[in-house]
C-alpha atoms as a PDB file:
ATOM      1  CA  MET A   1       0.000   0.000   0.000  1.00  0.00           C
ATOM      2  CA  ALA A   2       1.416   3.408  -0.948  1.00  0.00           C
ATOM      3  CA  LEU A   3       2.342   5.787   1.829  1.00  0.00           C
ATOM      4  CA  VAL A   4       1.427   9.456   1.686  1.00  0.00           C
ATOM      5  CA  THR A   5       2.375  12.449   3.791  1.00  0.00           C
ATOM      6  CA  LEU A   6      -0.125  13.941   6.224  1.00  0.00           C
ATOM      7  CA  THR A   7       0.678  17.495   7.290  1.00  0.00           C
ATOM      8  CA  SER A   8      -0.746  19.054  10.427  1.00  0.00           C
ATOM      9  CA  ARG A   9      -0.003  22.338  12.121  1.00  0.00           C
ATOM     10  CA  VAL A  10       0.408  22.303  15.903  1.00  0.00           C
ATOM     11  CA  GLU A  11       1.935  24.633  18.424  1.00  0.00           C
ATOM     12  CA  GLU A  12       5.681  24.281  18.759  1.00  0.00           C
ATOM     13  CA  ALA A  13       5.534  23.425  22.468  1.00  0.00           C
ATOM     14  CA  ASP A  14       2.880  20.756  21.863  1.00  0.00           C
ATOM     15  CA  LYS A  15       4.981  19.192  19.111  1.00  0.00           C
ATOM     16  CA  ALA A  16       8.022  19.055  21.375  1.00  0.00           C
ATOM     17  CA  SER A  17       6.000  17.519  24.225  1.00  0.00           C
ATOM     18  CA  PHE A  18       4.471  14.975  21.852  1.00  0.00           C
ATOM     19  CA  GLU A  19       7.899  14.039  20.488  1.00  0.00           C
ATOM     20  CA  ASP A  20       9.186  13.643  24.057  1.00  0.00           C
ATOM     21  CA  PHE A  21       6.230  11.439  24.973  1.00  0.00           C
ATOM     22  CA  CYS A  22       6.614   9.277  21.878  1.00  0.00           C
ATOM     23  CA  SER A  23      10.316   8.845  22.541  1.00  0.00           C
ATOM     24  CA  ALA A  24       9.655   7.929  26.180  1.00  0.00           C
ATOM     25  CA  VAL A  25       7.264   5.133  25.188  1.00  0.00           C
ATOM     26  CA  GLY A  26       9.473   3.876  22.358  1.00  0.00           C
ATOM     27  CA  LEU A  27       7.499   5.242  19.398  1.00  0.00           C
ATOM     28  CA  THR A  28       8.242   7.627  16.605  1.00  0.00           C
ATOM     29  CA  VAL A  29       5.829  10.490  15.982  1.00  0.00           C
ATOM     30  CA  SER A  30       4.912   8.889  12.668  1.00  0.00           C
ATOM     31  CA  THR A  31       4.085   5.564  14.345  1.00  0.00           C
ATOM     32  CA  ALA A  32       1.964   7.265  17.012  1.00  0.00           C
ATOM     33  CA  VAL A  33       0.009   9.254  14.419  1.00  0.00           C
ATOM     34  CA  ASN A  34      -0.483   6.109  12.325  1.00  0.00           C
ATOM     35  CA  MET A  35      -1.808   4.286  15.386  1.00  0.00           C
ATOM     36  CA  TYR A  36      -4.285   7.110  15.956  1.00  0.00           C
ATOM     37  CA  VAL A  37      -5.441   7.047  12.328  1.00  0.00           C
ATOM     38  CA  LYS A  38      -5.861   3.251  12.381  1.00  0.00           C
ATOM     39  CA  VAL A  39      -8.014   3.390  15.544  1.00  0.00           C
ATOM     40  CA  VAL A  40     -10.229   6.145  14.075  1.00  0.00           C
ATOM     41  CA  VAL A  41     -10.664   4.240  10.809  1.00  0.00           C
ATOM     42  CA  ARG A  42     -11.330   0.938  12.593  1.00  0.00           C
ATOM     43  CA  ASP A  43     -13.807   2.308  15.167  1.00  0.00           C
ATOM     44  CA  ARG A  44     -15.306   5.076  12.987  1.00  0.00           C
ATOM     45  CA  LYS A  45     -15.019   7.519  15.889  1.00  0.00           C
ATOM     46  CA  LEU A  46     -12.423   9.532  17.735  1.00  0.00           C
ATOM     47  CA  PRO A  47     -10.757   7.497  20.483  1.00  0.00           C
ATOM     48  CA  PHE A  48     -11.708  10.029  23.139  1.00  0.00           C
ATOM     49  CA  GLU A  49     -14.779  11.973  24.187  1.00  0.00           C
ATOM     50  CA  ILE A  50     -15.289  15.554  23.066  1.00  0.00           C
ATOM     51  CA  SER A  51     -17.692  17.544  25.182  1.00  0.00           C
ATOM     52  CA  GLN A  52     -18.494  20.995  26.365  1.00  0.00           C
ATOM     53  CA  GLU A  53     -20.555  21.571  29.486  1.00  0.00           C
ATOM     54  CA  GLU A  54     -21.389  25.208  28.778  1.00  0.00           C
ATOM     55  CA  PRO A  55     -19.959  27.605  26.233  1.00  0.00           C
ATOM     56  CA  LEU A  56     -18.131  30.190  28.296  1.00  0.00           C
ATOM     57  CA  ASP A  57     -18.768  33.131  26.014  1.00  0.00           C
ATOM     58  CA  ASP A  58     -22.454  32.623  25.218  1.00  0.00           C
ATOM     59  CA  PRO A  59     -24.924  33.213  28.059  1.00  0.00           C
ATOM     60  CA  PHE A  60     -27.731  31.730  25.933  1.00  0.00           C
ATOM     61  CA  TYR A  61     -26.448  28.243  26.719  1.00  0.00           C
ATOM     62  CA  ASN A  62     -26.131  28.599  30.495  1.00  0.00           C
ATOM     63  CA  LYS A  63     -28.041  26.039  32.579  1.00  0.00           C
ATOM     64  CA  THR A  64     -30.588  28.520  33.947  1.00  0.00           C
ATOM     65  CA  ASN A  65     -31.564  29.824  30.518  1.00  0.00           C
ATOM     66  CA  GLN A  66     -31.704  26.322  29.044  1.00  0.00           C
ATOM     67  CA  ALA A  67     -33.998  25.173  31.884  1.00  0.00           C
ATOM     68  CA  HIS A  68     -36.287  28.155  31.223  1.00  0.00           C
ATOM     69  CA  LEU A  69     -36.373  27.356  27.494  1.00  0.00           C
ATOM     70  CA  MET A  70     -37.103  23.660  28.104  1.00  0.00           C
ATOM     71  CA  LYS A  71     -39.977  24.606  30.432  1.00  0.00           C
ATOM     72  CA  ALA A  72     -41.396  26.998  27.831  1.00  0.00           C
ATOM     73  CA  ILE A  73     -41.122  24.359  25.097  1.00  0.00           C
ATOM     74  CA  GLN A  74     -42.935  21.832  27.284  1.00  0.00           C
ATOM     75  CA  GLN A  75     -45.698  24.364  27.975  1.00  0.00           C
ATOM     76  CA  LEU A  76     -46.128  24.960  24.237  1.00  0.00           C
ATOM     77  CA  LYS A  77     -46.307  21.215  23.584  1.00  0.00           C
ATOM     78  CA  GLU A  78     -49.045  20.976  26.214  1.00  0.00           C
ATOM     79  CA  GLY A  79     -51.029  23.697  24.454  1.00  0.00           C
ATOM     80  CA  ARG A  80     -50.385  26.294  27.125  1.00  0.00           C
ATOM     81  CA  GLY A  81     -49.033  28.942  24.787  1.00  0.00           C
ATOM     82  CA  VAL A  82     -50.380  31.973  22.991  1.00  0.00           C
ATOM     83  CA  ALA A  83     -49.767  32.579  19.285  1.00  0.00           C
ATOM     84  CA  HIS A  84     -48.897  36.143  18.385  1.00  0.00           C
ATOM     85  CA  GLU A  85     -48.648  37.875  15.040  1.00  0.00           C
ATOM     86  CA  LEU A  86     -45.229  39.095  14.003  1.00  0.00           C
ATOM     87  CA  ILE A  87     -45.009  42.802  14.699  1.00  0.00           C
ATOM     88  CA  GLU A  88     -42.940  44.687  12.125  1.00  0.00           C
ATOM     89  CA  VAL A  89     -40.909  47.507  13.615  1.00  0.00           C
END
């Protein structure tokens, strides 16, 4: 199977730390990246969880506002809402 080059840009300090880690566990950077790619291809997912509890910069997504929105949505589903016409300003 033909090999190709995969280029990725990372911060210099992260690259150095990654190289140090790979060396410490007896791998080359290329081998470690190939292992990562093989696991992603095999499992069809990233080998770690990506999550975000609350966006820090957007108050819309804070827990209090989301609870208020969920309550309002439930009230609408139960028919306890009032339809209003769009008011042009």
